[in-house]
Amino acid sequence: MATAVETTFHGVTLEAYNDLLRRLDFRPEGASEPGCLFHYAVPTEDGFRGVDVWESADAFERFVRERLAPVLEDVGIAPPEVTVSPVHNYLIAPSERWADPSD
């Protein structure tokens, strides 16, 4: 079941977020982690929040365990506040297969 995940990092700058992306080999507007359907980040008053939809809670937990937690520990960032919720529905951008054939 698809799972929504909000990670709130208090006291962590957007520059540190960008560094995390680089360390995880992600690029802005690039591909995400396998199992992550989409991700975005927004600034907050005291840090930033990442919002994701994952294919499953297991996929998110595997990413944290195998990839994110070691990088956070390496750079000295405390684990984020995490909220996990089951997803009732999500929508995605249309693909080529949905394009109007009369165009």
N, C-alpha and C. Protein backbone atom coordinates (compact mmCIF):
# COMPACT_ATOMS: atom_id res chain seq x y z
N MET A 1 0.84 -1.17 0.00
CA MET A 1 0.00 0.00 0.00
C MET A 1 0.88 1.24 0.00
N ALA A 2 0.54 2.22 -0.82
CA ALA A 2 1.30 3.46 -0.86
C ALA A 2 1.26 4.13 0.51
N THR A 3 2.38 4.78 0.84
CA THR A 3 2.56 5.38 2.15
C THR A 3 3.09 6.79 2.01
N ALA A 4 2.44 7.75 2.68
CA ALA A 4 2.91 9.13 2.71
C ALA A 4 3.86 9.28 3.89
N VAL A 5 4.95 10.01 3.67
CA VAL A 5 5.94 10.23 4.72
C VAL A 5 6.31 11.71 4.73
N GLU A 6 6.19 12.33 5.90
CA GLU A 6 6.66 13.70 6.10
C GLU A 6 7.83 13.64 7.07
N THR A 7 8.96 14.20 6.66
CA THR A 7 10.13 14.26 7.52
C THR A 7 10.43 15.73 7.78
N THR A 8 10.40 16.12 9.04
CA THR A 8 10.64 17.51 9.41
C THR A 8 11.98 17.60 10.12
N PHE A 9 12.87 18.38 9.53
CA PHE A 9 14.21 18.58 10.07
C PHE A 9 14.26 19.96 10.71
N HIS A 10 14.38 20.00 12.03
CA HIS A 10 14.48 21.26 12.75
C HIS A 10 15.94 21.68 12.84
N GLY A 11 16.19 22.98 12.59
CA GLY A 11 17.55 23.50 12.71
C GLY A 11 18.48 23.08 11.60
N VAL A 12 17.94 22.63 10.49
CA VAL A 12 18.76 22.19 9.35
C VAL A 12 18.44 23.10 8.17
N THR A 13 19.47 23.70 7.58
CA THR A 13 19.28 24.65 6.50
C THR A 13 18.99 23.96 5.17
N LEU A 14 18.47 24.74 4.23
CA LEU A 14 18.27 24.20 2.88
C LEU A 14 19.61 23.88 2.22
N GLU A 15 20.66 24.60 2.59
CA GLU A 15 21.98 24.27 2.07
C GLU A 15 22.41 22.88 2.54
N ALA A 16 22.11 22.56 3.80
CA ALA A 16 22.42 21.21 4.32
C ALA A 16 21.57 20.16 3.60
N TYR A 17 20.30 20.50 3.31
CA TYR A 17 19.44 19.59 2.53
C TYR A 17 20.06 19.33 1.17
N ASN A 18 20.51 20.39 0.50
CA ASN A 18 21.14 20.23 -0.82
C ASN A 18 22.39 19.35 -0.73
N ASP A 19 23.14 19.50 0.37
CA ASP A 19 24.32 18.66 0.58
C ASP A 19 23.90 17.20 0.76
N LEU A 20 22.81 16.97 1.51
CA LEU A 20 22.30 15.60 1.66
C LEU A 20 21.96 14.99 0.30
N LEU A 21 21.29 15.77 -0.54
CA LEU A 21 20.96 15.27 -1.88
C LEU A 21 22.22 14.83 -2.62
N ARG A 22 23.25 15.68 -2.59
CA ARG A 22 24.51 15.35 -3.28
C ARG A 22 25.12 14.07 -2.71
N ARG A 23 25.13 13.96 -1.39
CA ARG A 23 25.73 12.78 -0.75
C ARG A 23 24.96 11.50 -1.06
N LEU A 24 23.65 11.64 -1.32
CA LEU A 24 22.82 10.48 -1.68
C LEU A 24 22.78 10.25 -3.19
N ASP A 25 23.55 11.04 -3.95
CA ASP A 25 23.60 10.95 -5.41
C ASP A 25 22.27 11.29 -6.08
N PHE A 26 21.51 12.22 -5.48
CA PHE A 26 20.29 12.73 -6.09
C PHE A 26 20.59 14.10 -6.67
N ARG A 27 19.85 14.47 -7.69
CA ARG A 27 19.98 15.78 -8.32
C ARG A 27 18.62 16.46 -8.32
N PRO A 28 18.57 17.79 -8.11
CA PRO A 28 17.29 18.50 -8.16
C PRO A 28 16.53 18.15 -9.44
N GLU A 29 15.27 17.83 -9.28
CA GLU A 29 14.37 17.45 -10.36
C GLU A 29 14.81 16.19 -11.09
N GLY A 30 15.68 15.40 -10.45
CA GLY A 30 16.15 14.16 -11.04
C GLY A 30 15.38 12.96 -10.50
N ALA A 31 15.93 11.79 -10.75
CA ALA A 31 15.31 10.55 -10.31
C ALA A 31 15.40 10.41 -8.80
N SER A 32 14.43 9.71 -8.23
CA SER A 32 14.38 9.47 -6.80
C SER A 32 14.88 8.07 -6.49
N GLU A 33 14.80 7.72 -5.23
CA GLU A 33 15.17 6.39 -4.76
C GLU A 33 14.17 5.36 -5.29
N PRO A 34 14.61 4.17 -5.70
CA PRO A 34 13.64 3.14 -6.06
C PRO A 34 12.64 2.93 -4.91
N GLY A 35 11.37 2.89 -5.26
CA GLY A 35 10.32 2.74 -4.26
C GLY A 35 9.68 4.05 -3.85
N CYS A 36 10.35 5.17 -4.14
CA CYS A 36 9.80 6.49 -3.83
C CYS A 36 9.10 7.01 -5.08
N LEU A 37 7.79 7.20 -5.00
CA LEU A 37 7.01 7.63 -6.15
C LEU A 37 7.22 9.11 -6.46
N PHE A 38 7.34 9.93 -5.42
CA PHE A 38 7.75 11.32 -5.61
C PHE A 38 8.18 11.92 -4.28
N HIS A 39 8.93 13.02 -4.39
CA HIS A 39 9.49 13.71 -3.23
C HIS A 39 9.50 15.20 -3.52
N TYR A 40 9.21 15.99 -2.50
CA TYR A 40 9.49 17.42 -2.58
C TYR A 40 9.89 17.91 -1.20
N ALA A 41 10.56 19.06 -1.17
CA ALA A 41 10.99 19.65 0.09
C ALA A 41 10.58 21.11 0.11
N VAL A 42 10.21 21.58 1.30
CA VAL A 42 9.82 22.98 1.48
C VAL A 42 10.53 23.52 2.72
N PRO A 43 10.84 24.82 2.70
CA PRO A 43 11.42 25.42 3.90
C PRO A 43 10.36 25.56 5.00
N THR A 44 10.80 25.49 6.23
CA THR A 44 9.94 25.75 7.38
C THR A 44 10.57 26.90 8.16
N GLU A 45 9.93 27.33 9.23
CA GLU A 45 10.46 28.45 10.01
C GLU A 45 11.83 28.13 10.60
N ASP A 46 12.07 26.86 10.91
CA ASP A 46 13.34 26.52 11.55
C ASP A 46 14.08 25.37 10.87
N GLY A 47 13.82 25.14 9.60
CA GLY A 47 14.50 24.06 8.88
C GLY A 47 13.83 23.76 7.57
N PHE A 48 13.53 22.48 7.36
CA PHE A 48 12.82 22.09 6.13
C PHE A 48 12.01 20.83 6.38
N ARG A 49 11.07 20.60 5.48
CA ARG A 49 10.22 19.40 5.53
C ARG A 49 10.30 18.71 4.18
N GLY A 50 10.53 17.40 4.21
CA GLY A 50 10.44 16.58 3.01
C GLY A 50 9.13 15.84 3.02
N VAL A 51 8.47 15.78 1.87
CA VAL A 51 7.20 15.06 1.74
C VAL A 51 7.35 14.07 0.60
N ASP A 52 7.04 12.81 0.90
CA ASP A 52 7.20 11.74 -0.08
C ASP A 52 5.94 10.89 -0.14
N VAL A 53 5.79 10.19 -1.26
CA VAL A 53 4.89 9.05 -1.34
C VAL A 53 5.75 7.87 -1.77
N TRP A 54 5.71 6.82 -0.95
CA TRP A 54 6.47 5.60 -1.19
C TRP A 54 5.54 4.48 -1.60
N GLU A 55 6.07 3.51 -2.34
CA GLU A 55 5.28 2.35 -2.72
C GLU A 55 4.78 1.60 -1.48
N SER A 56 5.58 1.63 -0.41
CA SER A 56 5.21 0.93 0.82
C SER A 56 6.02 1.51 1.97
N ALA A 57 5.55 1.24 3.19
CA ALA A 57 6.31 1.63 4.38
C ALA A 57 7.64 0.89 4.41
N ASP A 58 7.65 -0.35 3.96
CA ASP A 58 8.90 -1.13 3.94
C ASP A 58 9.95 -0.47 3.04
N ALA A 59 9.53 0.05 1.88
CA ALA A 59 10.47 0.71 0.98
C ALA A 59 11.09 1.93 1.64
N PHE A 60 10.26 2.72 2.35
CA PHE A 60 10.78 3.89 3.06
C PHE A 60 11.75 3.46 4.16
N GLU A 61 11.36 2.48 4.96
CA GLU A 61 12.22 2.02 6.06
C GLU A 61 13.55 1.49 5.56
N ARG A 62 13.54 0.80 4.43
CA ARG A 62 14.79 0.28 3.84
C ARG A 62 15.69 1.44 3.42
N PHE A 63 15.11 2.47 2.79
CA PHE A 63 15.88 3.66 2.39
C PHE A 63 16.52 4.32 3.61
N VAL A 64 15.74 4.49 4.66
CA VAL A 64 16.28 5.13 5.87
C VAL A 64 17.43 4.30 6.43
N ARG A 65 17.20 3.03 6.59
CA ARG A 65 18.18 2.13 7.21
C ARG A 65 19.47 2.03 6.39
N GLU A 66 19.31 1.84 5.09
CA GLU A 66 20.47 1.55 4.25
C GLU A 66 21.17 2.79 3.69
N ARG A 67 20.42 3.88 3.53
CA ARG A 67 21.02 5.04 2.83
C ARG A 67 20.98 6.32 3.66
N LEU A 68 19.80 6.72 4.12
CA LEU A 68 19.68 8.04 4.75
C LEU A 68 20.33 8.10 6.13
N ALA A 69 20.04 7.16 7.01
CA ALA A 69 20.57 7.22 8.38
C ALA A 69 22.10 7.29 8.41
N PRO A 70 22.81 6.48 7.60
CA PRO A 70 24.27 6.59 7.64
C PRO A 70 24.78 7.97 7.20
N VAL A 71 24.13 8.58 6.23
CA VAL A 71 24.56 9.91 5.78
C VAL A 71 24.26 10.95 6.86
N LEU A 72 23.07 10.89 7.45
CA LEU A 72 22.74 11.83 8.53
C LEU A 72 23.74 11.72 9.67
N GLU A 73 24.07 10.50 10.04
CA GLU A 73 25.05 10.29 11.11
C GLU A 73 26.42 10.86 10.71
N ASP A 74 26.82 10.62 9.47
CA ASP A 74 28.13 11.08 8.99
C ASP A 74 28.25 12.60 9.05
N VAL A 75 27.19 13.32 8.74
CA VAL A 75 27.26 14.79 8.73
C VAL A 75 26.77 15.41 10.03
N GLY A 76 26.34 14.59 10.98
CA GLY A 76 25.95 15.11 12.29
C GLY A 76 24.58 15.74 12.36
N ILE A 77 23.65 15.28 11.51
CA ILE A 77 22.28 15.78 11.55
C ILE A 77 21.42 14.78 12.32
N ALA A 78 20.66 15.31 13.29
CA ALA A 78 19.78 14.46 14.09
C ALA A 78 18.67 13.89 13.21
N PRO A 79 18.20 12.69 13.51
CA PRO A 79 17.08 12.13 12.75
C PRO A 79 15.89 13.09 12.79
N PRO A 80 15.12 13.12 11.70
CA PRO A 80 13.99 14.05 11.63
C PRO A 80 12.78 13.56 12.42
N GLU A 81 11.85 14.47 12.60
CA GLU A 81 10.52 14.11 13.09
C GLU A 81 9.81 13.48 11.90
N VAL A 82 9.22 12.29 12.07
CA VAL A 82 8.64 11.55 10.95
C VAL A 82 7.16 11.28 11.21
N THR A 83 6.33 11.55 10.19
CA THR A 83 4.91 11.21 10.22
C THR A 83 4.64 10.30 9.03
N VAL A 84 4.07 9.13 9.29
CA VAL A 84 3.78 8.14 8.25
C VAL A 84 2.27 7.92 8.22
N SER A 85 1.68 7.96 7.01
CA SER A 85 0.24 7.78 6.85
C SER A 85 -0.05 6.91 5.64
N PRO A 86 -1.05 6.04 5.73
CA PRO A 86 -1.45 5.29 4.53
C PRO A 86 -2.07 6.26 3.52
N VAL A 87 -1.83 6.02 2.24
CA VAL A 87 -2.35 6.89 1.18
C VAL A 87 -3.65 6.30 0.65
N HIS A 88 -4.67 7.11 0.61
CA HIS A 88 -5.95 6.71 0.02
C HIS A 88 -5.88 6.80 -1.50
N ASN A 89 -5.26 7.87 -2.01
CA ASN A 89 -5.16 8.08 -3.45
C ASN A 89 -4.05 9.08 -3.73
N TYR A 90 -3.45 8.98 -4.90
CA TYR A 90 -2.53 10.01 -5.38
C TYR A 90 -2.68 10.10 -6.88
N LEU A 91 -2.36 11.25 -7.44
CA LEU A 91 -2.43 11.49 -8.88
C LEU A 91 -1.05 11.81 -9.39
N ILE A 92 -0.79 11.47 -10.64
CA ILE A 92 0.51 11.75 -11.25
C ILE A 92 0.30 12.49 -12.56
N ALA A 93 1.36 13.07 -13.06
CA ALA A 93 1.29 13.77 -14.33
C ALA A 93 0.97 12.78 -15.45
N PRO A 94 0.23 13.21 -16.47
CA PRO A 94 -0.09 12.30 -17.57
C PRO A 94 1.17 11.87 -18.31
N SER A 95 1.15 10.64 -18.79
CA SER A 95 2.28 10.15 -19.55
C SER A 95 1.95 10.25 -21.04
N GLU A 96 2.92 9.91 -21.83
CA GLU A 96 2.74 9.96 -23.29
C GLU A 96 1.57 9.09 -23.74
N ARG A 97 1.34 7.99 -23.05
CA ARG A 97 0.27 7.08 -23.49
C ARG A 97 -1.12 7.70 -23.34
N TRP A 98 -1.23 8.78 -22.53
CA TRP A 98 -2.51 9.42 -22.36
C TRP A 98 -2.68 10.63 -23.27
N ALA A 99 -1.69 10.88 -24.09
CA ALA A 99 -1.74 12.05 -24.96
C ALA A 99 -2.90 11.90 -25.96
N ASP A 100 -3.49 12.99 -26.32
CA ASP A 100 -4.59 13.02 -27.29
C ASP A 100 -4.04 12.64 -28.66
N PRO A 101 -4.54 11.56 -29.28
CA PRO A 101 -4.02 11.13 -30.58
C PRO A 101 -4.29 12.14 -31.69
N SER A 102 -5.20 13.08 -31.49
CA SER A 102 -5.47 14.07 -32.53
C SER A 102 -4.47 15.21 -32.54
N ASP A 103 -3.58 15.26 -31.55
CA ASP A 103 -2.57 16.33 -31.51
C ASP A 103 -1.51 16.13 -32.55
